[in-house]
């Protein structure tokens, strides 16, 4: 497997020229020692944006991950729940039959929170908290 390296602007320009001259990503990968996926990200204009806006990983009943084409709202780089600009945002959708209905959320905290809300764990937490307060006040009496 090719190792990951930082690519300078000069190398990227050379790769773009070779690619325009008919070189495949695989041959460029072997020549420069980087993965072909890295080359696609670096050389192809809008590659990441296209992937981000058009694909979604969805799991089937067995748990296998499949990429599905989806038209999402434009990526703004800001979490729609907390308003922060983290390094990574995920597209969170709540209905597998309509994955285009969703929102951009922080990869960690906000996305996990949204998943827990949908599982009904927020209501369960509130019930347990209320029960705990009731029972702890009875113990003190």
Protein backbone atom coordinates (compact mmCIF):
# COMPACT_ATOMS: atom_id res chain seq x y z
CA UNK A 1 0.00 0.00 0.00
CA UNK A 2 1.44 3.42 -0.92
CA UNK A 3 2.52 5.61 1.98
CA UNK A 4 0.89 8.96 2.71
CA UNK A 5 2.97 12.08 2.04
CA UNK A 6 2.42 15.82 1.94
CA UNK A 7 2.23 17.02 -1.65
CA UNK A 8 3.79 20.33 -2.61
CA UNK A 9 2.15 22.63 -5.15
CA UNK A 10 4.87 21.81 -7.71
CA UNK A 11 4.19 18.07 -7.43
CA UNK A 12 0.44 18.63 -7.73
CA UNK A 13 0.94 20.69 -10.90
CA UNK A 14 3.18 17.96 -12.34
CA UNK A 15 0.54 15.32 -11.48
CA UNK A 16 -2.19 17.37 -13.16
CA UNK A 17 -0.08 17.63 -16.33
CA UNK A 18 0.61 13.89 -16.35
CA UNK A 19 -3.05 13.12 -15.71
CA UNK A 20 -4.06 15.39 -18.60
CA UNK A 21 -1.49 13.54 -20.70
CA UNK A 22 -3.30 10.24 -20.17
CA UNK A 23 -1.69 8.83 -17.03
CA UNK A 24 -4.00 6.77 -14.86
CA UNK A 25 -4.42 7.39 -11.15
CA UNK A 26 -2.84 4.02 -10.51
CA UNK A 27 0.33 4.84 -12.47
CA UNK A 28 0.55 8.24 -10.77
CA UNK A 29 0.04 6.52 -7.42
CA UNK A 30 2.96 4.18 -8.08
CA UNK A 31 5.23 6.96 -9.37
CA UNK A 32 4.64 9.42 -6.51
CA UNK A 33 4.06 6.93 -3.69
CA UNK A 34 0.60 8.12 -2.65
CA UNK A 35 -2.77 6.37 -2.74
CA UNK A 36 -4.91 6.78 -5.83
CA UNK A 37 -7.78 8.09 -3.65
CA UNK A 38 -5.49 10.84 -2.34
CA UNK A 39 -4.62 11.72 -5.93
CA UNK A 40 -8.28 11.94 -6.88
CA UNK A 41 -8.92 14.28 -3.95
CA UNK A 42 -5.95 16.47 -4.85
CA UNK A 43 -6.25 16.55 -8.64
CA UNK A 44 -9.98 16.40 -9.36
CA UNK A 45 -11.65 19.80 -8.86
CA UNK A 46 -14.57 19.59 -6.46
CA UNK A 47 -13.99 15.89 -5.72
CA UNK A 48 -14.59 16.15 -1.98
CA UNK A 49 -17.51 18.53 -2.39
CA UNK A 50 -19.13 16.20 -4.94
CA UNK A 51 -18.69 13.18 -2.65
CA UNK A 52 -19.92 15.10 0.36
CA UNK A 53 -23.07 16.35 -1.36
CA UNK A 54 -24.04 13.28 -3.32
CA UNK A 55 -23.26 10.19 -1.23
CA UNK A 56 -24.45 8.77 2.01
CA UNK A 57 -23.39 5.55 3.71
CA UNK A 58 -26.47 3.59 4.77
CA UNK A 59 -26.56 0.20 6.48
CA UNK A 60 -28.96 -2.56 5.46
CA UNK A 61 -30.75 -4.96 7.81
CA UNK A 62 -27.66 -7.18 8.07
CA UNK A 63 -25.37 -4.23 8.86
CA UNK A 64 -23.53 -3.97 5.54
CA UNK A 65 -22.65 -0.41 4.50
CA UNK A 66 -23.80 0.79 1.07
CA UNK A 67 -23.18 4.13 -0.61
CA UNK A 68 -26.41 5.74 -1.77
CA UNK A 69 -26.75 8.78 -4.06
CA UNK A 70 -28.54 11.56 -2.20
CA UNK A 71 -29.16 15.24 -2.90
CA UNK A 72 -28.28 17.04 0.31
CA UNK A 73 -28.49 20.67 1.30
CA UNK A 74 -25.28 22.56 0.54
CA UNK A 75 -22.42 21.93 2.95
CA UNK A 76 -21.76 25.08 4.98
CA UNK A 77 -19.07 23.82 7.35
CA UNK A 78 -21.20 24.79 10.37
CA UNK A 79 -23.12 22.43 12.65
CA UNK A 80 -26.82 23.20 12.28
CA UNK A 81 -27.50 22.28 15.91
CA UNK A 82 -24.76 24.02 17.91
CA UNK A 83 -23.42 26.49 15.31
CA UNK A 84 -19.76 25.44 15.72
CA UNK A 85 -17.38 24.84 12.82
CA UNK A 86 -15.73 21.50 13.64
CA UNK A 87 -13.21 19.65 11.47
CA UNK A 88 -15.84 17.08 10.50
CA UNK A 89 -19.58 17.28 9.97
CA UNK A 90 -21.88 14.37 9.19
CA UNK A 91 -25.18 14.33 7.34
CA UNK A 92 -27.78 13.11 9.83
CA UNK A 93 -31.06 11.83 8.38
CA UNK A 94 -33.95 10.31 10.29
CA UNK A 95 -35.83 8.37 7.60
CA UNK A 96 -34.03 5.80 5.43
CA UNK A 97 -36.72 6.06 2.77
CA UNK A 98 -35.95 9.81 2.45
CA UNK A 99 -32.22 10.24 3.23
CA UNK A 100 -32.23 13.66 1.54
CA UNK A 101 -34.17 15.00 4.56
CA UNK A 102 -31.51 15.69 7.14
CA UNK A 103 -29.08 18.16 8.62
CA UNK A 104 -25.33 18.76 8.93
CA UNK A 105 -24.21 17.95 12.50
CA UNK A 106 -20.90 17.79 14.39
CA UNK A 107 -19.36 14.36 13.97
CA UNK A 108 -19.15 13.81 17.70
CA UNK A 109 -21.41 15.46 20.21
CA UNK A 110 -24.39 16.74 18.17
CA UNK A 111 -24.67 13.71 15.87
CA UNK A 112 -24.54 11.32 18.81
CA UNK A 113 -27.14 13.45 20.63
CA UNK A 114 -29.48 13.33 17.59
CA UNK A 115 -29.10 9.53 17.40
CA UNK A 116 -29.95 9.18 21.12
CA UNK A 117 -33.01 11.42 20.77
CA UNK A 118 -34.30 9.21 17.96
CA UNK A 119 -33.76 6.07 20.02
CA UNK A 120 -35.95 7.58 22.74
CA UNK A 121 -33.11 7.72 25.24
CA UNK A 122 -33.75 11.36 26.16
CA UNK A 123 -37.23 10.52 27.45
CA UNK A 124 -35.84 7.46 29.24
CA UNK A 125 -33.14 9.64 30.85
CA UNK A 126 -35.73 12.17 32.02
CA UNK A 127 -37.87 9.38 33.52
CA UNK A 128 -34.90 7.86 35.35
CA UNK A 129 -33.80 11.26 36.59
CA UNK A 130 -37.27 12.03 37.92
CA UNK A 131 -37.54 8.57 39.53
CA UNK A 132 -34.09 9.00 41.08
CA UNK A 133 -35.00 12.38 42.56
CA UNK A 134 -38.25 10.97 44.01
CA UNK A 135 -36.55 7.95 45.53
CA UNK A 136 -33.54 9.82 46.87
CA UNK A 137 -35.81 12.32 48.65
CA UNK A 138 -37.71 9.41 50.29
CA UNK A 139 -34.44 7.94 51.56
CA UNK A 140 -33.51 11.19 53.30
CA UNK A 141 -36.85 11.29 55.18
